[in-house]
C-alpha atoms as a PDB file:
ATOM      1  CA  MET A   1      87.754 111.759  99.136  1.00  0.00           C
ATOM      2  CA  LEU A   2      87.445 109.543  95.696  1.00  0.00           C
ATOM      3  CA  CYS A   3      87.569 106.041  96.569  1.00  0.00           C
ATOM      4  CA  GLY A   4      87.007 103.629  93.649  1.00  0.00           C
ATOM      5  CA  THR A   5      83.812 104.429  92.018  1.00  0.00           C
ATOM      6  CA  GLN A   6      83.149 106.109  95.259  1.00  0.00           C
ATOM      7  CA  VAL A   7      83.259 109.865  97.057  1.00  0.00           C
ATOM      8  CA  CYS A   8      84.114 109.449 100.628  1.00  0.00           C
ATOM      9  CA  GLU A   9      82.947 111.940 102.648  1.00  0.00           C
ATOM     10  CA  ASN A  10      81.576 112.330 106.152  1.00  0.00           C
ATOM     11  CA  GLY A  11      84.533 111.531 107.833  1.00  0.00           C
ATOM     12  CA  GLN A  12      85.170 107.676 106.138  1.00  0.00           C
ATOM     13  CA  VAL A  13      88.128 106.885 104.447  1.00  0.00           C
ATOM     14  CA  CYS A  14      89.615 104.776 101.398  1.00  0.00           C
ATOM     15  CA  CYS A  15      89.581 100.641 101.880  1.00  0.00           C
ATOM     16  CA  TYR A  16      92.381  98.898  98.895  1.00  0.00           C
ATOM     17  CA  THR A  17      91.942  95.470  99.263  1.00  0.00           C
ATOM     18  CA  LYS A  18      94.339  93.817  97.156  1.00  0.00           C
ATOM     19  CA  ALA A  19      92.796  90.452  97.510  1.00  0.00           C
ATOM     20  CA  PRO A  20      90.111  90.692  96.504  1.00  0.00           C
ATOM     21  CA  PRO A  21      91.175  94.428  94.616  1.00  0.00           C
ATOM     22  CA  LEU A  22      87.792  95.793  96.292  1.00  0.00           C
ATOM     23  CA  ALA A  23      87.526  99.931  97.093  1.00  0.00           C
ATOM     24  CA  ASN A  24      85.515 101.074  99.929  1.00  0.00           C
ATOM     25  CA  CYS A  25      84.305 104.219 101.576  1.00  0.00           C
ATOM     26  CA  ILE A  26      84.172 103.078 105.263  1.00  0.00           C
ATOM     27  CA  ASP A  27      85.102 104.533 109.301  1.00  0.00           C
ATOM     28  CA  PRO A  28      88.264 105.047 109.488  1.00  0.00           C
ATOM     29  CA  ILE A  29      87.855 103.291 113.205  1.00  0.00           C
ATOM     30  CA  ASN A  30      87.346  99.804 110.769  1.00  0.00           C
ATOM     31  CA  PHE A  31      90.809 100.340 108.592  1.00  0.00           C
ATOM     32  CA  GLU A  32      92.713  98.031 109.783  1.00  0.00           C
ATOM     33  CA  VAL A  33      89.625  94.618 111.142  1.00  0.00           C
ATOM     34  CA  GLN A  34      89.085  95.755 107.599  1.00  0.00           C
ATOM     35  CA  HIS A  35      92.513  94.396 106.686  1.00  0.00           C
ATOM     36  CA  CYS A  36      92.719  97.558 104.465  1.00  0.00           C
ATOM     37  CA  GLU A  37      96.527  98.262 102.228  1.00  0.00           C
ATOM     38  CA  LYS A  38      98.857 100.673 103.866  1.00  0.00           C
ATOM     39  CA  MET A  39      98.946 102.895 101.976  1.00  0.00           C
ATOM     40  CA  ASP A  40      99.785 106.539 101.918  1.00  0.00           C
ATOM     41  CA  LEU A  41      95.987 107.839 101.515  1.00  0.00           C
ATOM     42  CA  PRO A  42      94.788 111.353 100.140  1.00  0.00           C
ATOM     43  CA  CYS A  43      92.936 113.816 102.956  1.00  0.00           C
ATOM     44  CA  PHE A  44      91.874 117.348 103.079  1.00  0.00           C
ATOM     45  CA  SER A  45      91.696 116.978 107.368  1.00  0.00           C
ATOM     46  CA  PRO A  46      92.783 114.673 110.057  1.00  0.00           C
ATOM     47  CA  MET A  47      89.282 112.841 110.655  1.00  0.00           C
ATOM     48  CA  GLU A  48      89.760 111.104 106.668  1.00  0.00           C
ATOM     49  CA  CYS A  49      93.215 109.744 108.464  1.00  0.00           C
ATOM     50  CA  PRO A  50      93.226 106.016 109.693  1.00  0.00           C
ATOM     51  CA  LEU A  51      94.517 106.338 113.003  1.00  0.00           C
ATOM     52  CA  GLY A  52      98.080 106.497 113.819  1.00  0.00           C
ATOM     53  CA  THR A  53      98.697 108.287 111.064  1.00  0.00           C
ATOM     54  CA  ASN A  54      99.185 112.509 109.783  1.00  0.00           C
ATOM     55  CA  CYS A  55      97.207 114.472 107.090  1.00  0.00           C
ATOM     56  CA  CYS A  56     100.398 115.414 105.890  1.00  0.00           C
ATOM     57  CA  LEU A  57     101.370 118.260 103.449  1.00  0.00           C
ATOM     58  CA  MET A  58     104.814 117.541 102.601  1.00  0.00           C
ATOM     59  CA  PHE A  59     106.486 119.070 100.276  1.00  0.00           C
ATOM     60  CA  THR A  60     110.125 117.938  97.185  1.00  0.00           C
ATOM     61  CA  ALA A  61     112.893 119.323  96.516  1.00  0.00           C
ATOM     62  CA  ASP A  62     111.332 120.659  93.459  1.00  0.00           C
ATOM     63  CA  GLY A  63     108.489 122.463  95.202  1.00  0.00           C
ATOM     64  CA  ASN A  64     105.314 120.084  94.667  1.00  0.00           C
ATOM     65  CA  GLY A  65     103.320 118.862  97.529  1.00  0.00           C
ATOM     66  CA  THR A  66     101.081 116.390  98.187  1.00  0.00           C
ATOM     67  CA  VAL A  67      98.198 115.778 100.708  1.00  0.00           C
ATOM     68  CA  THR A  68      98.130 112.446 102.215  1.00  0.00           C
ATOM     69  CA  CYS A  69      97.333 110.576 105.274  1.00  0.00           C
ATOM     70  CA  ARG A  70     101.298 109.511 106.148  1.00  0.00           C
ATOM     71  CA  PRO A  71     102.492 107.451 109.476  1.00  0.00           C
ATOM     72  CA  GLN A  72     102.870 110.024 112.630  1.00  0.00           C
ATOM     73  CA  LEU A  73     106.996 109.371 112.344  1.00  0.00           C
ATOM     74  CA  LEU A  74     106.872 109.664 108.349  1.00  0.00           C
ATOM     75  CA  CYS A  75     104.978 112.914 109.056  1.00  0.00           C
ATOM     76  CA  PRO A  76     106.710 115.140 111.800  1.00  0.00           C
ATOM     77  CA  GLY A  77     105.513 118.386 111.238  1.00  0.00           C
ATOM     78  CA  ASP A  78     108.387 120.147 111.013  1.00  0.00           C
ATOM     79  CA  GLY A  79     107.424 122.815 109.058  1.00  0.00           C
ATOM     80  CA  VAL A  80     110.734 122.629 107.007  1.00  0.00           C
ATOM     81  CA  SER A  81     108.876 120.056 104.221  1.00  0.00           C
ATOM     82  CA  THR A  82     106.213 118.281 105.962  1.00  0.00           C
ATOM     83  CA  TYR A  83     103.466 120.691 108.179  1.00  0.00           C
ATOM     84  CA  ILE A  84     100.728 118.325 109.398  1.00  0.00           C
ATOM     85  CA  ALA A  85      96.763 119.407 107.887  1.00  0.00           C
ATOM     86  CA  CYS A  86      94.271 120.264 111.224  1.00  0.00           C
ATOM     87  CA  SER A  87      90.758 121.402 111.545  1.00  0.00           C
ATOM     88  CA  THR A  88      91.350 122.667 115.262  1.00  0.00           C
ATOM     89  CA  GLU A  89      94.587 123.605 117.074  1.00  0.00           C
ATOM     90  CA  ALA A  90      93.881 119.965 119.029  1.00  0.00           C
ATOM     91  CA  ASP A  91      94.624 118.205 115.661  1.00  0.00           C
ATOM     92  CA  CYS A  92      98.040 119.857 116.085  1.00  0.00           C
ATOM     93  CA  PRO A  93     101.573 118.576 117.896  1.00  0.00           C
ATOM     94  CA  ILE A  94     103.316 120.407 120.979  1.00  0.00           C
ATOM     95  CA  ASN A  95     105.757 121.487 118.517  1.00  0.00           C
ATOM     96  CA  SER A  96     103.233 123.494 116.103  1.00  0.00           C
ATOM     97  CA  PRO A  97     100.187 124.195 118.165  1.00  0.00           C
ATOM     98  CA  SER A  98      98.702 127.182 116.394  1.00  0.00           C
ATOM     99  CA  CYS A  99      96.242 125.494 112.753  1.00  0.00           C
ATOM    100  CA  ASN A 100      96.316 128.352 110.593  1.00  0.00           C
ATOM    101  CA  TYR A 101      94.876 129.079 107.168  1.00  0.00           C
ATOM    102  CA  LEU A 102      97.231 128.079 104.600  1.00  0.00           C
ATOM    103  CA  THR A 103      94.814 128.084 101.684  1.00  0.00           C
ATOM    104  CA  THR A 104      91.395 127.289 100.068  1.00  0.00           C
ATOM    105  CA  VAL A 105      90.975 124.285  97.330  1.00  0.00           C
ATOM    106  CA  MET A 106      88.162 122.877  96.254  1.00  0.00           C
ATOM    107  CA  ASP A 107      85.915 125.719  98.218  1.00  0.00           C
ATOM    108  CA  LYS A 108      86.967 124.068 101.299  1.00  0.00           C
ATOM    109  CA  LYS A 109      89.338 126.041 104.031  1.00  0.00           C
ATOM    110  CA  PHE A 110      93.286 123.863 104.644  1.00  0.00           C
ATOM    111  CA  ASN A 111      95.008 124.691 107.557  1.00  0.00           C
ATOM    112  CA  ILE A 112      97.976 123.148 108.489  1.00  0.00           C
ATOM    113  CA  CYS A 113      99.357 123.324 112.280  1.00  0.00           C
ATOM    114  CA  SER A 114     102.892 125.637 112.911  1.00  0.00           C
ATOM    115  CA  PRO A 115     104.528 127.165 115.718  1.00  0.00           C
END
């Protein structure tokens, strides 16, 4: 994931702060401790998101989609307008327990939870 001039890898997430203006790659567990801005962060898998958020694929009415870390209440994974990205079935909620392949992006498999 691109974070300022860095690329976050190995499960790290991007921490944005306004004062001072800064973007650093950090471990998700340190997200709140370092007072990172709570904004939608781009993601590819759930381990790239802070605790309490899902890596969420959201579709708009015009058919476009975005994949960002979103609070669980804003990404129910209803299979209509939102899908939860997953690495394994353990990442999926009880109403969509299967982790299934959707597509390949940048030579990486992208999976979503489905019933």
